[in-house]
Amino acid sequence: MPFTPFHLGAGILAKSVLRKRFSLMVFTLSQVLIDIEPGYKMFMQSKEDLHELTHNLPSAIAIALLSVGLWIAWERIRPARYTQAEVSLPVLLFSAFFGTLSHLFLDGMYHLDMRMPQSQWQIAQTTCGALSGTEAICLMMTASGMIIFSVITLAKSLSMKK
């Protein structure tokens, strides 16, 4: 699923629960980096497996560490107009690794060329109307995250008014 919003569901849910202990931007960066290979192969109309080089555990670890390195570099050189708070190293590491590992997990359920065991998660074969089971799970995570975030934000704003 190159660059699709479906993978962001896991990150949105994590952000809604973990708040400052999770970086949705670093999570998203790791998602984009891990999908450069399939995106390039699709663009070039390659006949090779789309998920050959970047969609395995050693590559996911390397891409997570690359995401952390790129983010640290960005924090050092970013223009003054980008004033988001610096992200701590533990948050960077957790967000990047959660990004690449959840990506492998979700793509493993969805794509046949990922070489996962046949017994893994039959839910990938089911459909919910036009969506696969995996896409439905991703959308449910997104919706859950948005609801949790909204409820917590509303509760905080109501408690501040008292």
N, C-alpha and C. Protein backbone atom coordinates (compact mmCIF):
# COMPACT_ATOMS: atom_id res chain seq x y z
N MET A 1 0.83 -1.18 0.00
CA MET A 1 0.00 0.00 0.00
C MET A 1 0.88 1.25 0.00
N PRO A 2 1.55 1.56 -1.10
CA PRO A 2 2.44 2.72 -1.06
C PRO A 2 1.73 4.02 -0.74
N PHE A 3 2.21 4.66 0.31
CA PHE A 3 1.78 6.01 0.68
C PHE A 3 0.28 6.14 0.90
N THR A 4 -0.39 5.06 1.27
CA THR A 4 -1.83 5.17 1.50
C THR A 4 -2.10 5.63 2.92
N PRO A 5 -3.24 6.23 3.13
CA PRO A 5 -3.58 6.68 4.48
C PRO A 5 -4.00 5.53 5.39
N PHE A 6 -4.19 4.33 4.86
CA PHE A 6 -4.65 3.23 5.70
C PHE A 6 -3.68 2.94 6.85
N HIS A 7 -2.39 3.00 6.59
CA HIS A 7 -1.40 2.71 7.63
C HIS A 7 -1.44 3.74 8.75
N LEU A 8 -1.91 4.93 8.47
CA LEU A 8 -1.92 5.98 9.48
C LEU A 8 -2.90 5.70 10.61
N GLY A 9 -3.84 4.80 10.39
CA GLY A 9 -4.81 4.47 11.43
C GLY A 9 -4.15 4.03 12.72
N ALA A 10 -3.13 3.17 12.60
CA ALA A 10 -2.42 2.70 13.79
C ALA A 10 -1.73 3.87 14.50
N GLY A 11 -1.16 4.79 13.73
CA GLY A 11 -0.50 5.95 14.31
C GLY A 11 -1.47 6.93 14.96
N ILE A 12 -2.61 7.13 14.33
CA ILE A 12 -3.62 8.03 14.89
C ILE A 12 -4.15 7.47 16.20
N LEU A 13 -4.38 6.16 16.23
CA LEU A 13 -4.83 5.53 17.48
C LEU A 13 -3.76 5.65 18.56
N ALA A 14 -2.51 5.38 18.21
CA ALA A 14 -1.41 5.49 19.18
C ALA A 14 -1.28 6.93 19.69
N LYS A 15 -1.37 7.91 18.81
CA LYS A 15 -1.24 9.32 19.20
C LYS A 15 -2.36 9.73 20.14
N SER A 16 -3.57 9.24 19.87
CA SER A 16 -4.70 9.63 20.71
C SER A 16 -4.56 9.11 22.14
N VAL A 17 -3.92 7.97 22.29
CA VAL A 17 -3.75 7.37 23.62
C VAL A 17 -2.47 7.85 24.29
N LEU A 18 -1.38 7.91 23.55
CA LEU A 18 -0.07 8.21 24.13
C LEU A 18 0.28 9.70 24.16
N ARG A 19 -0.43 10.50 23.37
CA ARG A 19 -0.24 11.95 23.31
C ARG A 19 1.22 12.35 23.11
N LYS A 20 1.85 12.97 24.11
CA LYS A 20 3.21 13.49 23.96
C LYS A 20 4.28 12.39 23.94
N ARG A 21 3.87 11.17 24.24
CA ARG A 21 4.82 10.06 24.24
C ARG A 21 4.87 9.36 22.87
N PHE A 22 4.27 9.99 21.86
CA PHE A 22 4.24 9.42 20.51
C PHE A 22 4.27 10.56 19.50
N SER A 23 5.08 10.40 18.44
CA SER A 23 5.16 11.41 17.39
C SER A 23 4.51 10.88 16.13
N LEU A 24 3.37 11.44 15.77
CA LEU A 24 2.68 11.03 14.55
C LEU A 24 3.49 11.43 13.32
N MET A 25 4.26 12.51 13.41
CA MET A 25 5.07 12.92 12.25
C MET A 25 6.21 11.95 11.99
N VAL A 26 6.87 11.47 13.03
CA VAL A 26 7.96 10.50 12.86
C VAL A 26 7.38 9.16 12.39
N PHE A 27 6.25 8.77 12.95
CA PHE A 27 5.54 7.56 12.50
C PHE A 27 5.26 7.65 11.00
N THR A 28 4.73 8.79 10.56
CA THR A 28 4.39 8.99 9.15
C THR A 28 5.65 8.99 8.28
N LEU A 29 6.72 9.62 8.75
CA LEU A 29 7.98 9.60 8.01
C LEU A 29 8.45 8.16 7.78
N SER A 30 8.38 7.33 8.81
CA SER A 30 8.81 5.94 8.66
C SER A 30 7.91 5.18 7.69
N GLN A 31 6.63 5.53 7.66
CA GLN A 31 5.69 4.90 6.72
C GLN A 31 6.06 5.24 5.27
N VAL A 32 6.37 6.49 5.04
CA VAL A 32 6.73 6.92 3.68
C VAL A 32 8.05 6.29 3.25
N LEU A 33 9.04 6.29 4.14
CA LEU A 33 10.35 5.74 3.79
C LEU A 33 10.26 4.24 3.47
N ILE A 34 9.48 3.50 4.22
CA ILE A 34 9.41 2.06 3.98
C ILE A 34 8.69 1.74 2.67
N ASP A 35 7.87 2.68 2.20
CA ASP A 35 7.13 2.44 0.96
C ASP A 35 7.75 3.08 -0.27
N ILE A 36 8.97 3.60 -0.17
CA ILE A 36 9.62 4.15 -1.36
C ILE A 36 9.86 3.06 -2.40
N GLU A 37 10.32 1.89 -1.96
CA GLU A 37 10.58 0.81 -2.92
C GLU A 37 9.32 0.39 -3.69
N PRO A 38 8.22 0.03 -3.02
CA PRO A 38 7.04 -0.34 -3.80
C PRO A 38 6.49 0.81 -4.64
N GLY A 39 6.58 2.02 -4.14
CA GLY A 39 6.13 3.17 -4.92
C GLY A 39 6.94 3.34 -6.19
N TYR A 40 8.25 3.21 -6.07
CA TYR A 40 9.14 3.31 -7.24
C TYR A 40 8.84 2.19 -8.23
N LYS A 41 8.71 0.98 -7.72
CA LYS A 41 8.46 -0.16 -8.61
C LYS A 41 7.11 -0.04 -9.32
N MET A 42 6.12 0.49 -8.63
CA MET A 42 4.82 0.71 -9.28
C MET A 42 4.94 1.78 -10.36
N PHE A 43 5.65 2.86 -10.04
CA PHE A 43 5.84 3.95 -10.99
C PHE A 43 6.57 3.47 -12.24
N MET A 44 7.57 2.62 -12.03
CA MET A 44 8.38 2.11 -13.15
C MET A 44 7.73 0.90 -13.82
N GLN A 45 6.58 0.49 -13.32
CA GLN A 45 5.84 -0.68 -13.84
C GLN A 45 6.72 -1.92 -13.84
N SER A 46 7.44 -2.11 -12.76
CA SER A 46 8.35 -3.24 -12.61
C SER A 46 7.57 -4.54 -12.47
N LYS A 47 8.14 -5.61 -12.96
CA LYS A 47 7.52 -6.94 -12.85
C LYS A 47 8.01 -7.66 -11.59
N GLU A 48 8.95 -7.07 -10.86
CA GLU A 48 9.47 -7.66 -9.63
C GLU A 48 8.44 -7.56 -8.52
N ASP A 49 8.65 -8.36 -7.45
CA ASP A 49 7.83 -8.22 -6.26
C ASP A 49 7.96 -6.80 -5.73
N LEU A 50 6.85 -6.21 -5.35
CA LEU A 50 6.87 -4.83 -4.87
C LEU A 50 7.56 -4.69 -3.52
N HIS A 51 7.46 -5.69 -2.70
CA HIS A 51 7.92 -5.59 -1.31
C HIS A 51 9.16 -6.44 -1.05
N GLU A 52 10.09 -6.39 -1.95
CA GLU A 52 11.25 -7.28 -1.90
C GLU A 52 12.33 -6.81 -0.93
N LEU A 53 12.75 -5.57 -1.01
CA LEU A 53 13.91 -5.10 -0.25
C LEU A 53 13.57 -4.45 1.09
N THR A 54 12.54 -3.65 1.13
CA THR A 54 12.28 -2.84 2.33
C THR A 54 11.27 -3.45 3.30
N HIS A 55 10.57 -4.49 2.89
CA HIS A 55 9.51 -5.03 3.74
C HIS A 55 9.94 -6.33 4.40
N ASN A 56 10.97 -6.24 5.21
CA ASN A 56 11.44 -7.35 6.03
C ASN A 56 12.00 -6.76 7.32
N LEU A 57 12.24 -7.61 8.31
CA LEU A 57 12.62 -7.11 9.62
C LEU A 57 13.94 -6.33 9.63
N PRO A 58 15.02 -6.82 9.02
CA PRO A 58 16.25 -6.03 9.03
C PRO A 58 16.09 -4.65 8.37
N SER A 59 15.38 -4.61 7.25
CA SER A 59 15.15 -3.33 6.57
C SER A 59 14.26 -2.42 7.40
N ALA A 60 13.25 -2.98 8.07
CA ALA A 60 12.37 -2.17 8.91
C ALA A 60 13.15 -1.53 10.05
N ILE A 61 14.09 -2.28 10.62
CA ILE A 61 14.93 -1.72 11.69
C ILE A 61 15.80 -0.60 11.15
N ALA A 62 16.42 -0.84 9.99
CA ALA A 62 17.27 0.19 9.39
C ALA A 62 16.46 1.44 9.02
N ILE A 63 15.26 1.25 8.49
CA ILE A 63 14.42 2.39 8.10
C ILE A 63 13.95 3.16 9.33
N ALA A 64 13.64 2.46 10.42
CA ALA A 64 13.27 3.14 11.66
C ALA A 64 14.43 4.01 12.16
N LEU A 65 15.64 3.45 12.14
CA LEU A 65 16.81 4.22 12.58
C LEU A 65 17.09 5.39 11.63
N LEU A 66 16.89 5.18 10.33
CA LEU A 66 17.04 6.27 9.36
C LEU A 66 16.02 7.37 9.64
N SER A 67 14.80 6.99 9.96
CA SER A 67 13.75 7.98 10.30
C SER A 67 14.17 8.82 11.49
N VAL A 68 14.71 8.16 12.51
CA VAL A 68 15.17 8.87 13.70
C VAL A 68 16.29 9.83 13.33
N GLY A 69 17.26 9.36 12.55
CA GLY A 69 18.38 10.21 12.13
C GLY A 69 17.93 11.41 11.32
N LEU A 70 17.02 11.18 10.39
CA LEU A 70 16.50 12.29 9.57
C LEU A 70 15.75 13.30 10.43
N TRP A 71 14.99 12.81 11.41
CA TRP A 71 14.23 13.72 12.27
C TRP A 71 15.17 14.56 13.13
N ILE A 72 16.20 13.93 13.67
CA ILE A 72 17.18 14.67 14.48
C ILE A 72 17.87 15.74 13.62
N ALA A 73 18.22 15.37 12.40
CA ALA A 73 18.84 16.35 11.49
C ALA A 73 17.87 17.49 11.19
N TRP A 74 16.60 17.15 10.96
CA TRP A 74 15.59 18.17 10.69
C TRP A 74 15.45 19.12 11.88
N GLU A 75 15.45 18.59 13.09
CA GLU A 75 15.32 19.44 14.27
C GLU A 75 16.48 20.43 14.39
N ARG A 76 17.64 20.05 13.89
CA ARG A 76 18.81 20.92 13.98
C ARG A 76 18.81 22.02 12.92
N ILE A 77 18.24 21.74 11.75
CA ILE A 77 18.33 22.70 10.65
C ILE A 77 17.01 23.37 10.30
N ARG A 78 15.93 22.99 10.95
CA ARG A 78 14.62 23.51 10.55
C ARG A 78 14.56 25.03 10.70
N PRO A 79 13.84 25.66 9.78
CA PRO A 79 13.67 27.12 9.86
C PRO A 79 12.89 27.51 11.12
N ALA A 80 13.08 28.72 11.56
CA ALA A 80 12.46 29.21 12.79
C ALA A 80 10.93 29.19 12.72
N ARG A 81 10.37 29.25 11.53
CA ARG A 81 8.90 29.28 11.43
C ARG A 81 8.25 27.95 11.82
N TYR A 82 9.04 26.87 11.84
CA TYR A 82 8.54 25.57 12.29
C TYR A 82 8.90 25.43 13.76
N THR A 83 7.95 25.70 14.61
CA THR A 83 8.27 25.81 16.03
C THR A 83 7.72 24.65 16.86
N GLN A 84 7.51 23.49 16.26
CA GLN A 84 7.03 22.38 17.07
C GLN A 84 8.08 22.00 18.10
N ALA A 85 7.62 21.44 19.20
CA ALA A 85 8.54 21.07 20.27
C ALA A 85 9.45 19.93 19.81
N GLU A 86 10.67 19.93 20.35
CA GLU A 86 11.59 18.85 20.03
C GLU A 86 11.04 17.54 20.57
N VAL A 87 11.33 16.47 19.86
CA VAL A 87 10.86 15.15 20.24
C VAL A 87 12.01 14.43 20.93
N SER A 88 11.74 13.84 22.09
CA SER A 88 12.80 13.15 22.83
C SER A 88 13.21 11.87 22.09
N LEU A 89 14.42 11.40 22.36
CA LEU A 89 14.94 10.21 21.70
C LEU A 89 14.06 8.97 21.95
N PRO A 90 13.60 8.72 23.18
CA PRO A 90 12.73 7.56 23.38
C PRO A 90 11.43 7.64 22.55
N VAL A 91 10.87 8.83 22.45
CA VAL A 91 9.66 9.01 21.65
C VAL A 91 9.97 8.81 20.17
N LEU A 92 11.09 9.34 19.72
CA LEU A 92 11.52 9.14 18.33
C LEU A 92 11.66 7.66 18.01
N LEU A 93 12.39 6.94 18.85
CA LEU A 93 12.63 5.52 18.62
C LEU A 93 11.33 4.73 18.63
N PHE A 94 10.50 4.95 19.64
CA PHE A 94 9.25 4.21 19.72
C PHE A 94 8.37 4.49 18.51
N SER A 95 8.23 5.76 18.14
CA SER A 95 7.35 6.14 17.02
C SER A 95 7.84 5.56 15.70
N ALA A 96 9.15 5.62 15.46
CA ALA A 96 9.71 5.11 14.21
C ALA A 96 9.60 3.59 14.14
N PHE A 97 9.94 2.90 15.23
CA PHE A 97 9.84 1.44 15.22
C PHE A 97 8.39 0.98 15.16
N PHE A 98 7.50 1.67 15.85
CA PHE A 98 6.09 1.33 15.75
C PHE A 98 5.61 1.53 14.31
N GLY A 99 6.11 2.56 13.66
CA GLY A 99 5.74 2.82 12.27
C GLY A 99 6.17 1.71 11.33
N THR A 100 7.45 1.34 11.38
CA THR A 100 7.92 0.32 10.43
C THR A 100 7.38 -1.07 10.77
N LEU A 101 7.33 -1.40 12.05
CA LEU A 101 6.86 -2.75 12.41
C LEU A 101 5.37 -2.93 12.20
N SER A 102 4.58 -1.90 12.50
CA SER A 102 3.14 -2.01 12.21
C SER A 102 2.91 -2.06 10.71
N HIS A 103 3.76 -1.37 9.96
CA HIS A 103 3.65 -1.40 8.50
C HIS A 103 3.88 -2.82 7.98
N LEU A 104 4.91 -3.48 8.48
CA LEU A 104 5.18 -4.87 8.07
C LEU A 104 4.00 -5.77 8.43
N PHE A 105 3.48 -5.59 9.62
CA PHE A 105 2.37 -6.41 10.08
C PHE A 105 1.14 -6.23 9.18
N LEU A 106 0.77 -4.98 8.92
CA LEU A 106 -0.41 -4.72 8.10
C LEU A 106 -0.20 -5.16 6.65
N ASP A 107 0.96 -4.86 6.08
CA ASP A 107 1.22 -5.29 4.71
C ASP A 107 1.31 -6.81 4.62
N GLY A 108 1.81 -7.47 5.67
CA GLY A 108 1.88 -8.92 5.68
C GLY A 108 0.50 -9.56 5.61
N MET A 109 -0.50 -8.90 6.17
CA MET A 109 -1.87 -9.41 6.08
C MET A 109 -2.49 -9.12 4.72
N TYR A 110 -1.99 -8.12 4.05
CA TYR A 110 -2.67 -7.60 2.86
C TYR A 110 -2.04 -8.07 1.55
N HIS A 111 -0.73 -8.13 1.49
CA HIS A 111 -0.04 -8.39 0.22
C HIS A 111 0.48 -9.82 0.14
N LEU A 112 0.22 -10.47 -0.96
CA LEU A 112 0.65 -11.84 -1.15
C LEU A 112 2.15 -11.96 -1.36
N ASP A 113 2.81 -10.93 -1.85
CA ASP A 113 4.25 -11.02 -2.12
C ASP A 113 5.11 -10.79 -0.87
N MET A 114 4.49 -10.71 0.29
CA MET A 114 5.24 -10.48 1.53
C MET A 114 5.81 -11.78 2.11
N ARG A 115 5.46 -12.92 1.53
CA ARG A 115 5.98 -14.23 1.94
C ARG A 115 5.74 -14.53 3.42
N MET A 116 4.57 -14.20 3.89
CA MET A 116 4.21 -14.54 5.26
C MET A 116 3.63 -15.95 5.26
N PRO A 117 3.67 -16.63 6.40
CA PRO A 117 3.09 -17.98 6.46
C PRO A 117 1.62 -17.97 6.07
N GLN A 118 1.18 -19.04 5.41
CA GLN A 118 -0.22 -19.13 4.96
C GLN A 118 -1.20 -19.04 6.12
N SER A 119 -0.79 -19.49 7.29
CA SER A 119 -1.71 -19.50 8.43
C SER A 119 -1.89 -18.12 9.05
N GLN A 120 -1.10 -17.15 8.60
CA GLN A 120 -1.17 -15.83 9.24
C GLN A 120 -2.45 -15.11 8.87
N TRP A 121 -3.23 -14.78 9.86
CA TRP A 121 -4.35 -13.87 9.78
C TRP A 121 -5.22 -14.04 8.54
N GLN A 122 -6.15 -14.95 8.63
CA GLN A 122 -7.10 -15.16 7.54
C GLN A 122 -7.98 -13.94 7.30
N ILE A 123 -7.95 -13.00 8.21
CA ILE A 123 -8.78 -11.79 8.05
C ILE A 123 -8.42 -11.02 6.78
N ALA A 124 -7.20 -11.17 6.31
CA ALA A 124 -6.78 -10.47 5.10
C ALA A 124 -7.57 -10.95 3.90
N GLN A 125 -8.08 -12.16 3.97
CA GLN A 125 -8.82 -12.72 2.84
C GLN A 125 -10.29 -12.31 2.86
N THR A 126 -10.78 -11.87 4.00
CA THR A 126 -12.19 -11.50 4.10
C THR A 126 -12.40 -10.10 3.53
N THR A 127 -13.61 -9.82 3.16
CA THR A 127 -13.93 -8.48 2.67
C THR A 127 -15.12 -7.92 3.41
N CYS A 128 -15.15 -6.63 3.52
CA CYS A 128 -16.27 -5.90 4.13
C CYS A 128 -16.77 -4.95 3.05
N GLY A 129 -17.60 -5.44 2.19
CA GLY A 129 -18.05 -4.63 1.06
C GLY A 129 -16.89 -4.43 0.11
N ALA A 130 -16.54 -3.17 -0.17
CA ALA A 130 -15.45 -2.87 -1.10
C ALA A 130 -14.08 -2.91 -0.42
N LEU A 131 -14.06 -3.01 0.91
CA LEU A 131 -12.79 -2.98 1.66
C LEU A 131 -12.36 -4.39 2.02
N SER A 132 -11.04 -4.60 2.06
CA SER A 132 -10.53 -5.85 2.61
C SER A 132 -10.63 -5.78 4.13
N GLY A 133 -10.46 -6.92 4.78
CA GLY A 133 -10.48 -6.93 6.24
C GLY A 133 -9.41 -6.05 6.83
N THR A 134 -8.23 -6.04 6.21
CA THR A 134 -7.12 -5.22 6.69
C THR A 134 -7.45 -3.73 6.58
N GLU A 135 -8.03 -3.33 5.45
CA GLU A 135 -8.41 -1.92 5.28
C GLU A 135 -9.47 -1.52 6.30
N ALA A 136 -10.42 -2.41 6.55
CA ALA A 136 -11.46 -2.12 7.53
C ALA A 136 -10.86 -1.94 8.92
N ILE A 137 -9.89 -2.78 9.29
CA ILE A 137 -9.22 -2.65 10.58
C ILE A 137 -8.52 -1.30 10.66
N CYS A 138 -7.82 -0.91 9.60
CA CYS A 138 -7.11 0.38 9.59
C CYS A 138 -8.08 1.54 9.74
N LEU A 139 -9.21 1.49 9.07
CA LEU A 139 -10.20 2.55 9.19
C LEU A 139 -10.82 2.58 10.58
N MET A 140 -11.01 1.42 11.18
CA MET A 140 -11.55 1.37 12.55
C MET A 140 -10.54 1.96 13.54
N MET A 141 -9.24 1.69 13.32
CA MET A 141 -8.22 2.30 14.19
C MET A 141 -8.22 3.81 14.05
N THR A 142 -8.37 4.30 12.82
CA THR A 142 -8.42 5.75 12.58
C THR A 142 -9.62 6.36 13.30
N ALA A 143 -10.78 5.77 13.11
CA ALA A 143 -11.99 6.29 13.74
C ALA A 143 -11.88 6.24 15.26
N SER A 144 -11.38 5.14 15.80
CA SER A 144 -11.21 5.02 17.25
C SER A 144 -10.26 6.08 17.78
N GLY A 145 -9.15 6.27 17.08
CA GLY A 145 -8.19 7.29 17.50
C GLY A 145 -8.78 8.68 17.49
N MET A 146 -9.56 8.99 16.45
CA MET A 146 -10.17 10.32 16.36
C MET A 146 -11.20 10.52 17.47
N ILE A 147 -11.96 9.48 17.78
CA ILE A 147 -12.96 9.58 18.85
C ILE A 147 -12.27 9.76 20.19
N ILE A 148 -11.26 8.94 20.47
CA ILE A 148 -10.53 9.03 21.75
C ILE A 148 -9.91 10.41 21.89
N PHE A 149 -9.24 10.89 20.83
CA PHE A 149 -8.61 12.21 20.87
C PHE A 149 -9.65 13.29 21.15
N SER A 150 -10.79 13.23 20.47
CA SER A 150 -11.83 14.24 20.65
C SER A 150 -12.40 14.22 22.06
N VAL A 151 -12.65 13.03 22.60
CA VAL A 151 -13.22 12.93 23.95
C VAL A 151 -12.24 13.47 24.99
N ILE A 152 -10.96 13.10 24.87
CA ILE A 152 -9.96 13.59 25.83
C ILE A 152 -9.81 15.10 25.73
N THR A 153 -9.77 15.62 24.52
CA THR A 153 -9.63 17.07 24.32
C THR A 153 -10.84 17.80 24.88
N LEU A 154 -12.04 17.29 24.63
CA LEU A 154 -13.26 17.91 25.16
C LEU A 154 -13.27 17.88 26.68
N ALA A 155 -12.89 16.73 27.25
CA ALA A 155 -12.87 16.62 28.71
C ALA A 155 -11.88 17.60 29.32
N LYS A 156 -10.72 17.75 28.70
CA LYS A 156 -9.73 18.72 29.21
C LYS A 156 -10.24 20.14 29.12
N SER A 157 -10.88 20.49 28.01
CA SER A 157 -11.37 21.87 27.86
C SER A 157 -12.50 22.15 28.83
N LEU A 158 -13.35 21.17 29.10
CA LEU A 158 -14.43 21.37 30.06
C LEU A 158 -13.89 21.51 31.49
N SER A 159 -12.85 20.74 31.80
CA SER A 159 -12.28 20.83 33.15
C SER A 159 -11.54 22.16 33.36
N MET A 160 -11.03 22.74 32.29
CA MET A 160 -10.33 24.03 32.40
C MET A 160 -11.31 25.18 32.60
N LYS A 161 -12.55 25.00 32.16
CA LYS A 161 -13.54 26.07 32.29
C LYS A 161 -14.09 26.16 33.70
N LYS A 162 -13.90 25.12 34.51
CA LYS A 162 -14.44 25.13 35.86
C LYS A 162 -13.61 25.94 36.80
